[in-house]
Amino acid sequence: MPVEFIKEFIGKECTVTLFNEIGGIRGIIIDVSENWIKLEEKKRIRLINGDMIRDIYVNK
């Protein structure tokens, strides 16, 4: 997934769906660097490889 598109979602609560998972990961995107996304969940920070992302939904 192109990093330019993901940078638009920094600071927004999103649900990220990966190719190898049934459910999504919900949190706030706090940084995008090269091919990695840093996502803040309730009690942890998660680093996600951009090649593994299937969808990103912006939660309203």
N, C-alpha and C. Protein backbone atom coordinates (compact mmCIF):
# COMPACT_ATOMS: atom_id res chain seq x y z
N MET A 1 0.86 -1.18 0.00
CA MET A 1 0.00 0.00 0.00
C MET A 1 0.90 1.24 0.00
N PRO A 2 0.62 2.21 -0.87
CA PRO A 2 1.46 3.41 -0.94
C PRO A 2 1.41 4.24 0.35
N VAL A 3 2.57 4.63 0.84
CA VAL A 3 2.70 5.39 2.08
C VAL A 3 2.03 6.75 1.97
N GLU A 4 2.02 7.34 0.79
CA GLU A 4 1.42 8.68 0.62
C GLU A 4 -0.06 8.67 1.04
N PHE A 5 -0.77 7.61 0.71
CA PHE A 5 -2.19 7.52 1.06
C PHE A 5 -2.37 7.34 2.56
N ILE A 6 -1.52 6.55 3.17
CA ILE A 6 -1.64 6.26 4.60
C ILE A 6 -1.33 7.49 5.44
N LYS A 7 -0.45 8.36 4.98
CA LYS A 7 -0.10 9.56 5.73
C LYS A 7 -1.30 10.47 5.95
N GLU A 8 -2.30 10.38 5.09
CA GLU A 8 -3.53 11.17 5.27
C GLU A 8 -4.29 10.77 6.53
N PHE A 9 -4.06 9.56 7.02
CA PHE A 9 -4.80 9.03 8.16
C PHE A 9 -4.08 9.22 9.49
N ILE A 10 -2.92 9.85 9.51
CA ILE A 10 -2.19 10.05 10.76
C ILE A 10 -3.05 10.89 11.71
N GLY A 11 -3.18 10.40 12.94
CA GLY A 11 -3.97 11.09 13.96
C GLY A 11 -5.44 10.70 13.97
N LYS A 12 -5.86 9.84 13.04
CA LYS A 12 -7.26 9.44 12.98
C LYS A 12 -7.42 8.01 13.47
N GLU A 13 -8.56 7.73 14.07
CA GLU A 13 -8.85 6.37 14.51
C GLU A 13 -9.28 5.56 13.29
N CYS A 14 -8.59 4.44 13.08
CA CYS A 14 -8.81 3.61 11.91
C CYS A 14 -8.91 2.15 12.30
N THR A 15 -9.45 1.37 11.40
CA THR A 15 -9.41 -0.08 11.50
C THR A 15 -8.58 -0.58 10.33
N VAL A 16 -7.51 -1.29 10.63
CA VAL A 16 -6.60 -1.81 9.63
C VAL A 16 -6.83 -3.31 9.51
N THR A 17 -7.14 -3.78 8.32
CA THR A 17 -7.34 -5.20 8.08
C THR A 17 -6.13 -5.75 7.35
N LEU A 18 -5.59 -6.84 7.88
CA LEU A 18 -4.42 -7.48 7.28
C LEU A 18 -4.84 -8.69 6.44
N PHE A 19 -3.97 -9.08 5.53
CA PHE A 19 -4.26 -10.23 4.68
C PHE A 19 -4.41 -11.52 5.48
N ASN A 20 -3.66 -11.68 6.55
CA ASN A 20 -3.66 -12.94 7.28
C ASN A 20 -4.56 -12.94 8.52
N GLU A 21 -5.41 -11.93 8.69
CA GLU A 21 -6.30 -11.86 9.85
C GLU A 21 -7.75 -11.72 9.41
N ILE A 22 -8.65 -12.29 10.20
CA ILE A 22 -10.08 -12.18 9.90
C ILE A 22 -10.61 -10.83 10.37
N GLY A 23 -10.29 -10.46 11.61
CA GLY A 23 -10.75 -9.18 12.16
C GLY A 23 -9.75 -8.08 11.87
N GLY A 24 -10.09 -6.88 12.23
CA GLY A 24 -9.21 -5.75 12.01
C GLY A 24 -8.53 -5.29 13.28
N ILE A 25 -7.52 -4.47 13.10
CA ILE A 25 -6.80 -3.85 14.21
C ILE A 25 -7.31 -2.43 14.32
N ARG A 26 -7.83 -2.06 15.47
CA ARG A 26 -8.41 -0.72 15.65
C ARG A 26 -7.50 0.12 16.50
N GLY A 27 -7.20 1.33 16.02
CA GLY A 27 -6.36 2.24 16.77
C GLY A 27 -6.12 3.52 16.01
N ILE A 28 -5.21 4.33 16.52
CA ILE A 28 -4.87 5.62 15.91
C ILE A 28 -3.51 5.49 15.24
N ILE A 29 -3.45 5.85 13.97
CA ILE A 29 -2.18 5.82 13.26
C ILE A 29 -1.37 7.01 13.74
N ILE A 30 -0.18 6.74 14.28
CA ILE A 30 0.62 7.83 14.84
C ILE A 30 1.86 8.14 14.00
N ASP A 31 2.25 7.21 13.12
CA ASP A 31 3.43 7.49 12.28
C ASP A 31 3.46 6.52 11.10
N VAL A 32 4.03 6.99 10.00
CA VAL A 32 4.25 6.16 8.82
C VAL A 32 5.67 6.43 8.37
N SER A 33 6.46 5.37 8.26
CA SER A 33 7.85 5.51 7.86
C SER A 33 8.22 4.37 6.93
N GLU A 34 8.70 4.75 5.74
CA GLU A 34 9.04 3.79 4.70
C GLU A 34 7.85 2.86 4.48
N ASN A 35 7.97 1.59 4.82
CA ASN A 35 6.88 0.65 4.59
C ASN A 35 6.24 0.17 5.90
N TRP A 36 6.40 0.94 6.97
CA TRP A 36 5.88 0.55 8.28
C TRP A 36 4.89 1.58 8.81
N ILE A 37 3.89 1.10 9.51
CA ILE A 37 2.88 1.95 10.11
C ILE A 37 2.90 1.73 11.62
N LYS A 38 2.95 2.81 12.38
CA LYS A 38 2.89 2.73 13.84
C LYS A 38 1.47 3.07 14.25
N LEU A 39 0.83 2.12 14.94
CA LEU A 39 -0.57 2.25 15.33
C LEU A 39 -0.69 2.12 16.84
N GLU A 40 -1.38 3.07 17.47
CA GLU A 40 -1.58 3.03 18.91
C GLU A 40 -2.93 2.40 19.23
N GLU A 41 -2.88 1.25 19.90
CA GLU A 41 -4.09 0.60 20.37
C GLU A 41 -4.35 1.08 21.79
N LYS A 42 -5.27 0.45 22.50
CA LYS A 42 -5.61 0.90 23.85
C LYS A 42 -4.41 0.95 24.78
N LYS A 43 -3.67 -0.16 24.90
CA LYS A 43 -2.58 -0.21 25.86
C LYS A 43 -1.24 -0.57 25.23
N ARG A 44 -1.13 -0.50 23.92
CA ARG A 44 0.13 -0.86 23.28
C ARG A 44 0.32 -0.15 21.95
N ILE A 45 1.54 -0.16 21.50
CA ILE A 45 1.91 0.39 20.18
C ILE A 45 2.20 -0.80 19.28
N ARG A 46 1.70 -0.76 18.08
CA ARG A 46 1.90 -1.85 17.14
C ARG A 46 2.57 -1.33 15.88
N LEU A 47 3.55 -2.06 15.36
CA LEU A 47 4.18 -1.75 14.08
C LEU A 47 3.64 -2.75 13.05
N ILE A 48 3.17 -2.22 11.94
CA ILE A 48 2.55 -3.06 10.92
C ILE A 48 3.29 -2.86 9.60
N ASN A 49 3.65 -3.97 8.98
CA ASN A 49 4.29 -3.94 7.67
C ASN A 49 3.25 -3.54 6.63
N GLY A 50 3.52 -2.53 5.84
CA GLY A 50 2.59 -2.03 4.84
C GLY A 50 2.22 -3.05 3.78
N ASP A 51 3.09 -4.02 3.53
CA ASP A 51 2.79 -5.06 2.54
C ASP A 51 1.71 -6.01 3.00
N MET A 52 1.43 -6.04 4.29
CA MET A 52 0.45 -6.97 4.85
C MET A 52 -0.96 -6.37 4.95
N ILE A 53 -1.11 -5.09 4.59
CA ILE A 53 -2.40 -4.41 4.76
C ILE A 53 -3.31 -4.68 3.58
N ARG A 54 -4.53 -5.07 3.90
CA ARG A 54 -5.55 -5.28 2.87
C ARG A 54 -6.45 -4.06 2.74
N ASP A 55 -6.91 -3.51 3.89
CA ASP A 55 -7.81 -2.36 3.91
C ASP A 55 -7.52 -1.47 5.11
N ILE A 56 -7.85 -0.19 4.96
CA ILE A 56 -7.85 0.74 6.08
C ILE A 56 -9.17 1.49 6.04
N TYR A 57 -9.91 1.41 7.15
CA TYR A 57 -11.18 2.13 7.29
C TYR A 57 -10.99 3.24 8.31
N VAL A 58 -11.48 4.43 7.99
CA VAL A 58 -11.45 5.54 8.95
C VAL A 58 -12.75 5.46 9.74
N ASN A 59 -12.61 5.34 11.08
CA ASN A 59 -13.78 5.27 11.96
C ASN A 59 -14.30 6.68 12.22
N LYS A 60 -15.60 6.82 12.20
CA LYS A 60 -16.22 8.13 12.44
C LYS A 60 -16.89 8.15 13.78
